[in-house]
Structure formats: C-alpha cells, structure tokens
Amino acid sequence: MEGLRVRDVMTPDVTTLKRNDKLTLADDIMHLGRIRHLPVLDDDGQQVVGLVSQRDLFRGALARALGLRAARAAKSPGHALSQRSNDQRRDHDQSQHALG
C-alpha cells in the first residue's frame, strides 16, 4: 500500500443524503445500492455534517421499538471516532498550511 493514496482507492461519485431526509430514504438507498455508510450534507448540500450507517438505522429502529428517543440511541462509538478523524484531518491540514 506504500505509494497508494486515498484518491487511488476512493469512490469518487458518492451518494449522499441531506440531514432532513427521511430515514426510510436512507434505508432504501443503502439496501438498493448495497451501501453501508452515507455522508450527510447540510441543508444547502455544500458541507458534510455527518455520516449515517446501517448500524445507526438499526439502532434507531431498535430504539423506536423499545420506545426510546432514536436521536440519542443512534449515537454510536463510531460517531466519536469520525469526529476525532475530522479533528485530526483539520489539524493536519492546518499544520501543512503553516509549513508552506
């Protein structure tokens, strides 16, 4: 993998959702497209504000079945991990910019 870059293996044409889309739409897209994770964009469709996964949908459905609030139940350890990754990427970008 040495010498390979993210751009060499990434999916360039990404299917996305907006944060106010219905979960049924996310579920349909994931099942039909055999996709496990979808980036979520802001209302303008300009900035990634999160990521929804099949696990998030499962937890939301389970929470609903148990009568819990789905928004809190859908928070997963992966959410914290992706936030940490975003923070690390921002810090890296800032340090690269400072170096020249």
N, C-alpha and C. Protein backbone atom coordinates (compact mmCIF):
# COMPACT_ATOMS: atom_id res chain seq x y z
N MET A 1 0.81 -1.19 0.00
CA MET A 1 0.00 0.00 0.00
C MET A 1 0.86 1.26 0.00
N GLU A 2 2.13 1.05 0.15
CA GLU A 2 3.01 2.21 0.10
C GLU A 2 2.94 2.81 -1.29
N GLY A 3 2.84 4.09 -1.35
CA GLY A 3 2.74 4.77 -2.63
C GLY A 3 1.31 5.01 -3.06
N LEU A 4 0.37 4.23 -2.53
CA LEU A 4 -1.04 4.45 -2.84
C LEU A 4 -1.56 5.64 -2.05
N ARG A 5 -2.47 6.33 -2.63
CA ARG A 5 -3.12 7.46 -1.95
C ARG A 5 -4.61 7.18 -1.85
N VAL A 6 -5.25 7.89 -0.97
CA VAL A 6 -6.69 7.73 -0.80
C VAL A 6 -7.40 7.91 -2.13
N ARG A 7 -6.98 8.87 -2.91
CA ARG A 7 -7.64 9.13 -4.21
C ARG A 7 -7.57 7.93 -5.14
N ASP A 8 -6.59 7.04 -4.93
CA ASP A 8 -6.44 5.87 -5.78
C ASP A 8 -7.48 4.79 -5.50
N VAL A 9 -8.07 4.79 -4.31
CA VAL A 9 -9.00 3.73 -3.94
C VAL A 9 -10.38 4.23 -3.53
N MET A 10 -10.56 5.54 -3.46
CA MET A 10 -11.84 6.10 -3.00
C MET A 10 -12.92 5.95 -4.07
N THR A 11 -14.15 6.11 -3.64
CA THR A 11 -15.29 6.16 -4.54
C THR A 11 -15.53 7.63 -4.88
N PRO A 12 -15.29 8.04 -6.13
CA PRO A 12 -15.38 9.46 -6.45
C PRO A 12 -16.81 10.00 -6.56
N ASP A 13 -17.74 9.19 -7.01
CA ASP A 13 -19.13 9.62 -7.17
C ASP A 13 -19.94 9.07 -6.00
N VAL A 14 -20.06 9.87 -4.95
CA VAL A 14 -20.63 9.42 -3.69
C VAL A 14 -22.11 9.76 -3.61
N THR A 15 -22.91 8.81 -3.19
CA THR A 15 -24.32 9.05 -2.91
C THR A 15 -24.40 9.69 -1.54
N THR A 16 -25.18 10.76 -1.41
CA THR A 16 -25.29 11.48 -0.15
C THR A 16 -26.75 11.68 0.23
N LEU A 17 -26.94 12.08 1.47
CA LEU A 17 -28.24 12.47 2.00
C LEU A 17 -28.13 13.87 2.54
N LYS A 18 -29.27 14.51 2.74
CA LYS A 18 -29.30 15.78 3.47
C LYS A 18 -29.84 15.48 4.86
N ARG A 19 -29.48 16.30 5.82
CA ARG A 19 -29.78 16.00 7.21
C ARG A 19 -31.27 15.90 7.52
N ASN A 20 -32.13 16.47 6.70
CA ASN A 20 -33.57 16.39 6.95
C ASN A 20 -34.29 15.33 6.12
N ASP A 21 -33.52 14.51 5.39
CA ASP A 21 -34.13 13.41 4.64
C ASP A 21 -34.70 12.38 5.61
N LYS A 22 -35.70 11.67 5.17
CA LYS A 22 -36.32 10.63 6.00
C LYS A 22 -35.40 9.41 6.10
N LEU A 23 -35.45 8.75 7.24
CA LEU A 23 -34.63 7.56 7.43
C LEU A 23 -35.02 6.45 6.47
N THR A 24 -36.27 6.42 6.05
CA THR A 24 -36.69 5.41 5.07
C THR A 24 -35.94 5.58 3.75
N LEU A 25 -35.66 6.83 3.38
CA LEU A 25 -34.87 7.08 2.17
C LEU A 25 -33.46 6.53 2.34
N ALA A 26 -32.85 6.80 3.48
CA ALA A 26 -31.50 6.27 3.75
C ALA A 26 -31.51 4.75 3.69
N ASP A 27 -32.50 4.14 4.30
CA ASP A 27 -32.60 2.68 4.31
C ASP A 27 -32.76 2.13 2.90
N ASP A 28 -33.63 2.76 2.11
CA ASP A 28 -33.83 2.30 0.72
C ASP A 28 -32.54 2.42 -0.09
N ILE A 29 -31.88 3.56 0.01
CA ILE A 29 -30.63 3.77 -0.75
C ILE A 29 -29.59 2.73 -0.35
N MET A 30 -29.47 2.50 0.95
CA MET A 30 -28.46 1.54 1.42
C MET A 30 -28.76 0.13 0.94
N HIS A 31 -30.03 -0.27 1.01
CA HIS A 31 -30.37 -1.62 0.57
C HIS A 31 -30.24 -1.78 -0.94
N LEU A 32 -30.77 -0.84 -1.70
CA LEU A 32 -30.73 -0.96 -3.15
C LEU A 32 -29.32 -0.81 -3.71
N GLY A 33 -28.54 0.08 -3.11
CA GLY A 33 -27.19 0.32 -3.61
C GLY A 33 -26.12 -0.52 -2.93
N ARG A 34 -26.55 -1.36 -1.96
CA ARG A 34 -25.61 -2.18 -1.19
C ARG A 34 -24.52 -1.29 -0.59
N ILE A 35 -24.98 -0.23 0.05
CA ILE A 35 -24.11 0.77 0.67
C ILE A 35 -24.27 0.67 2.17
N ARG A 36 -23.18 0.73 2.91
CA ARG A 36 -23.27 0.63 4.37
C ARG A 36 -23.16 1.97 5.08
N HIS A 37 -22.60 2.97 4.41
CA HIS A 37 -22.43 4.30 5.03
C HIS A 37 -22.76 5.38 4.00
N LEU A 38 -23.44 6.42 4.46
CA LEU A 38 -23.77 7.54 3.58
C LEU A 38 -23.37 8.85 4.24
N PRO A 39 -22.63 9.70 3.54
CA PRO A 39 -22.36 11.03 4.06
C PRO A 39 -23.65 11.84 4.12
N VAL A 40 -23.76 12.68 5.14
CA VAL A 40 -24.92 13.54 5.31
C VAL A 40 -24.47 14.99 5.11
N LEU A 41 -25.17 15.70 4.23
CA LEU A 41 -24.83 17.08 3.91
C LEU A 41 -25.74 18.05 4.65
N ASP A 42 -25.27 19.29 4.78
CA ASP A 42 -26.10 20.34 5.37
C ASP A 42 -27.27 20.65 4.45
N ASP A 43 -28.14 21.55 4.89
CA ASP A 43 -29.35 21.85 4.12
C ASP A 43 -29.05 22.41 2.73
N ASP A 44 -27.91 23.06 2.57
CA ASP A 44 -27.53 23.59 1.26
C ASP A 44 -26.83 22.56 0.38
N GLY A 45 -26.51 21.42 0.95
CA GLY A 45 -25.81 20.38 0.19
C GLY A 45 -24.37 20.70 -0.09
N GLN A 46 -23.78 21.61 0.70
CA GLN A 46 -22.41 22.07 0.44
C GLN A 46 -21.37 21.47 1.37
N GLN A 47 -21.77 21.07 2.57
CA GLN A 47 -20.78 20.63 3.56
C GLN A 47 -21.23 19.34 4.22
N VAL A 48 -20.30 18.42 4.40
CA VAL A 48 -20.59 17.18 5.11
C VAL A 48 -20.73 17.51 6.59
N VAL A 49 -21.87 17.10 7.17
CA VAL A 49 -22.11 17.36 8.58
C VAL A 49 -22.16 16.08 9.40
N GLY A 50 -22.08 14.94 8.73
CA GLY A 50 -22.11 13.68 9.45
C GLY A 50 -22.09 12.49 8.52
N LEU A 51 -22.33 11.35 9.13
CA LEU A 51 -22.32 10.08 8.42
C LEU A 51 -23.41 9.22 9.04
N VAL A 52 -24.22 8.56 8.23
CA VAL A 52 -25.21 7.63 8.75
C VAL A 52 -24.85 6.24 8.24
N SER A 53 -24.97 5.27 9.13
CA SER A 53 -24.59 3.90 8.78
C SER A 53 -25.77 2.97 8.95
N GLN A 54 -25.62 1.76 8.44
CA GLN A 54 -26.65 0.75 8.65
C GLN A 54 -26.84 0.51 10.15
N ARG A 55 -25.77 0.57 10.90
CA ARG A 55 -25.85 0.38 12.35
C ARG A 55 -26.70 1.49 12.98
N ASP A 56 -26.52 2.73 12.51
CA ASP A 56 -27.34 3.83 13.03
C ASP A 56 -28.83 3.57 12.77
N LEU A 57 -29.15 3.10 11.57
CA LEU A 57 -30.54 2.80 11.23
C LEU A 57 -31.08 1.68 12.11
N PHE A 58 -30.27 0.66 12.34
CA PHE A 58 -30.68 -0.46 13.19
C PHE A 58 -30.93 0.03 14.61
N ARG A 59 -30.02 0.83 15.13
CA ARG A 59 -30.20 1.34 16.49
C ARG A 59 -31.42 2.24 16.59
N GLY A 60 -31.66 3.03 15.57
CA GLY A 60 -32.85 3.88 15.56
C GLY A 60 -34.12 3.05 15.57
N ALA A 61 -34.16 1.99 14.77
CA ALA A 61 -35.33 1.11 14.72
C ALA A 61 -35.51 0.39 16.05
N LEU A 62 -34.42 -0.06 16.64
CA LEU A 62 -34.49 -0.74 17.93
C LEU A 62 -34.97 0.21 19.02
N ALA A 63 -34.46 1.43 19.01
CA ALA A 63 -34.88 2.42 19.99
C ALA A 63 -36.37 2.72 19.84
N ARG A 64 -36.82 2.84 18.60
CA ARG A 64 -38.24 3.11 18.36
C ARG A 64 -39.08 1.95 18.87
N ALA A 65 -38.63 0.73 18.63
CA ALA A 65 -39.37 -0.45 19.10
C ALA A 65 -39.42 -0.50 20.63
N LEU A 66 -38.36 -0.01 21.27
CA LEU A 66 -38.31 -0.01 22.73
C LEU A 66 -38.90 1.25 23.34
N GLY A 67 -39.31 2.19 22.48
CA GLY A 67 -39.91 3.42 22.97
C GLY A 67 -38.90 4.45 23.43
N LEU A 68 -37.65 4.34 23.00
CA LEU A 68 -36.61 5.30 23.37
C LEU A 68 -36.51 6.37 22.31
N ARG A 69 -35.85 7.45 22.65
CA ARG A 69 -35.62 8.51 21.66
C ARG A 69 -34.54 8.05 20.68
N ALA A 70 -34.88 7.97 19.41
CA ALA A 70 -33.98 7.45 18.38
C ALA A 70 -32.75 8.32 18.20
N ALA A 71 -32.88 9.64 18.35
CA ALA A 71 -31.74 10.53 18.11
C ALA A 71 -30.60 10.23 19.06
N ARG A 72 -30.90 9.94 20.30
CA ARG A 72 -29.84 9.64 21.27
C ARG A 72 -29.35 8.21 21.12
N ALA A 73 -30.25 7.29 20.81
CA ALA A 73 -29.87 5.89 20.69
C ALA A 73 -28.98 5.66 19.48
N ALA A 74 -29.11 6.50 18.45
CA ALA A 74 -28.33 6.31 17.23
C ALA A 74 -26.88 6.73 17.41
N LYS A 75 -26.57 7.49 18.44
CA LYS A 75 -25.18 7.87 18.68
C LYS A 75 -24.39 6.60 18.96
N SER A 76 -23.30 6.45 18.27
CA SER A 76 -22.50 5.24 18.42
C SER A 76 -21.05 5.62 18.65
N PRO A 77 -20.24 4.66 19.12
CA PRO A 77 -18.81 4.94 19.25
C PRO A 77 -18.20 5.39 17.93
N GLY A 78 -18.76 4.95 16.82
CA GLY A 78 -18.26 5.37 15.51
C GLY A 78 -18.42 6.86 15.29
N HIS A 79 -19.46 7.45 15.90
CA HIS A 79 -19.67 8.90 15.78
C HIS A 79 -18.49 9.64 16.38
N ALA A 80 -18.08 9.24 17.58
CA ALA A 80 -16.94 9.89 18.23
C ALA A 80 -15.67 9.67 17.43
N LEU A 81 -15.52 8.48 16.87
CA LEU A 81 -14.34 8.17 16.08
C LEU A 81 -14.29 9.04 14.82
N SER A 82 -15.44 9.19 14.13
CA SER A 82 -15.42 10.00 12.91
C SER A 82 -15.18 11.47 13.25
N GLN A 83 -15.70 11.94 14.41
CA GLN A 83 -15.44 13.31 14.81
C GLN A 83 -13.96 13.50 15.10
N ARG A 84 -13.34 12.52 15.77
CA ARG A 84 -11.91 12.59 16.06
C ARG A 84 -11.12 12.60 14.75
N SER A 85 -11.53 11.79 13.78
CA SER A 85 -10.86 11.76 12.49
C SER A 85 -10.97 13.11 11.79
N ASN A 86 -12.15 13.71 11.86
CA ASN A 86 -12.33 15.04 11.26
C ASN A 86 -11.43 16.06 11.94
N ASP A 87 -11.34 16.01 13.27
CA ASP A 87 -10.48 16.93 14.01
C ASP A 87 -9.02 16.72 13.63
N GLN A 88 -8.60 15.45 13.53
CA GLN A 88 -7.22 15.16 13.16
C GLN A 88 -6.92 15.64 11.74
N ARG A 89 -7.86 15.44 10.82
CA ARG A 89 -7.67 15.87 9.44
C ARG A 89 -7.53 17.39 9.39
N ARG A 90 -8.38 18.11 10.15
CA ARG A 90 -8.32 19.57 10.18
C ARG A 90 -6.98 20.04 10.74
N ASP A 91 -6.54 19.40 11.86
CA ASP A 91 -5.25 19.76 12.45
C ASP A 91 -4.11 19.50 11.49
N HIS A 92 -4.16 18.38 10.78
CA HIS A 92 -3.13 18.04 9.81
C HIS A 92 -3.10 19.08 8.69
N ASP A 93 -4.30 19.41 8.16
CA ASP A 93 -4.38 20.40 7.09
C ASP A 93 -3.82 21.75 7.53
N GLN A 94 -4.13 22.15 8.75
CA GLN A 94 -3.65 23.42 9.26
C GLN A 94 -2.13 23.41 9.42
N SER A 95 -1.58 22.28 9.89
CA SER A 95 -0.13 22.22 10.06
C SER A 95 0.57 22.21 8.71
N GLN A 96 -0.02 21.55 7.70
CA GLN A 96 0.57 21.54 6.37
C GLN A 96 0.54 22.94 5.77
N HIS A 97 -0.56 23.65 6.01
CA HIS A 97 -0.68 25.02 5.51
C HIS A 97 0.36 25.93 6.16
N ALA A 98 0.60 25.72 7.45
CA ALA A 98 1.57 26.54 8.18
C ALA A 98 3.00 26.27 7.70
N LEU A 99 3.24 25.02 7.27
CA LEU A 99 4.59 24.66 6.80
C LEU A 99 4.89 25.18 5.40
N GLY A 100 3.87 25.52 4.71
CA GLY A 100 4.17 26.09 3.39
C GLY A 100 3.37 25.52 2.33
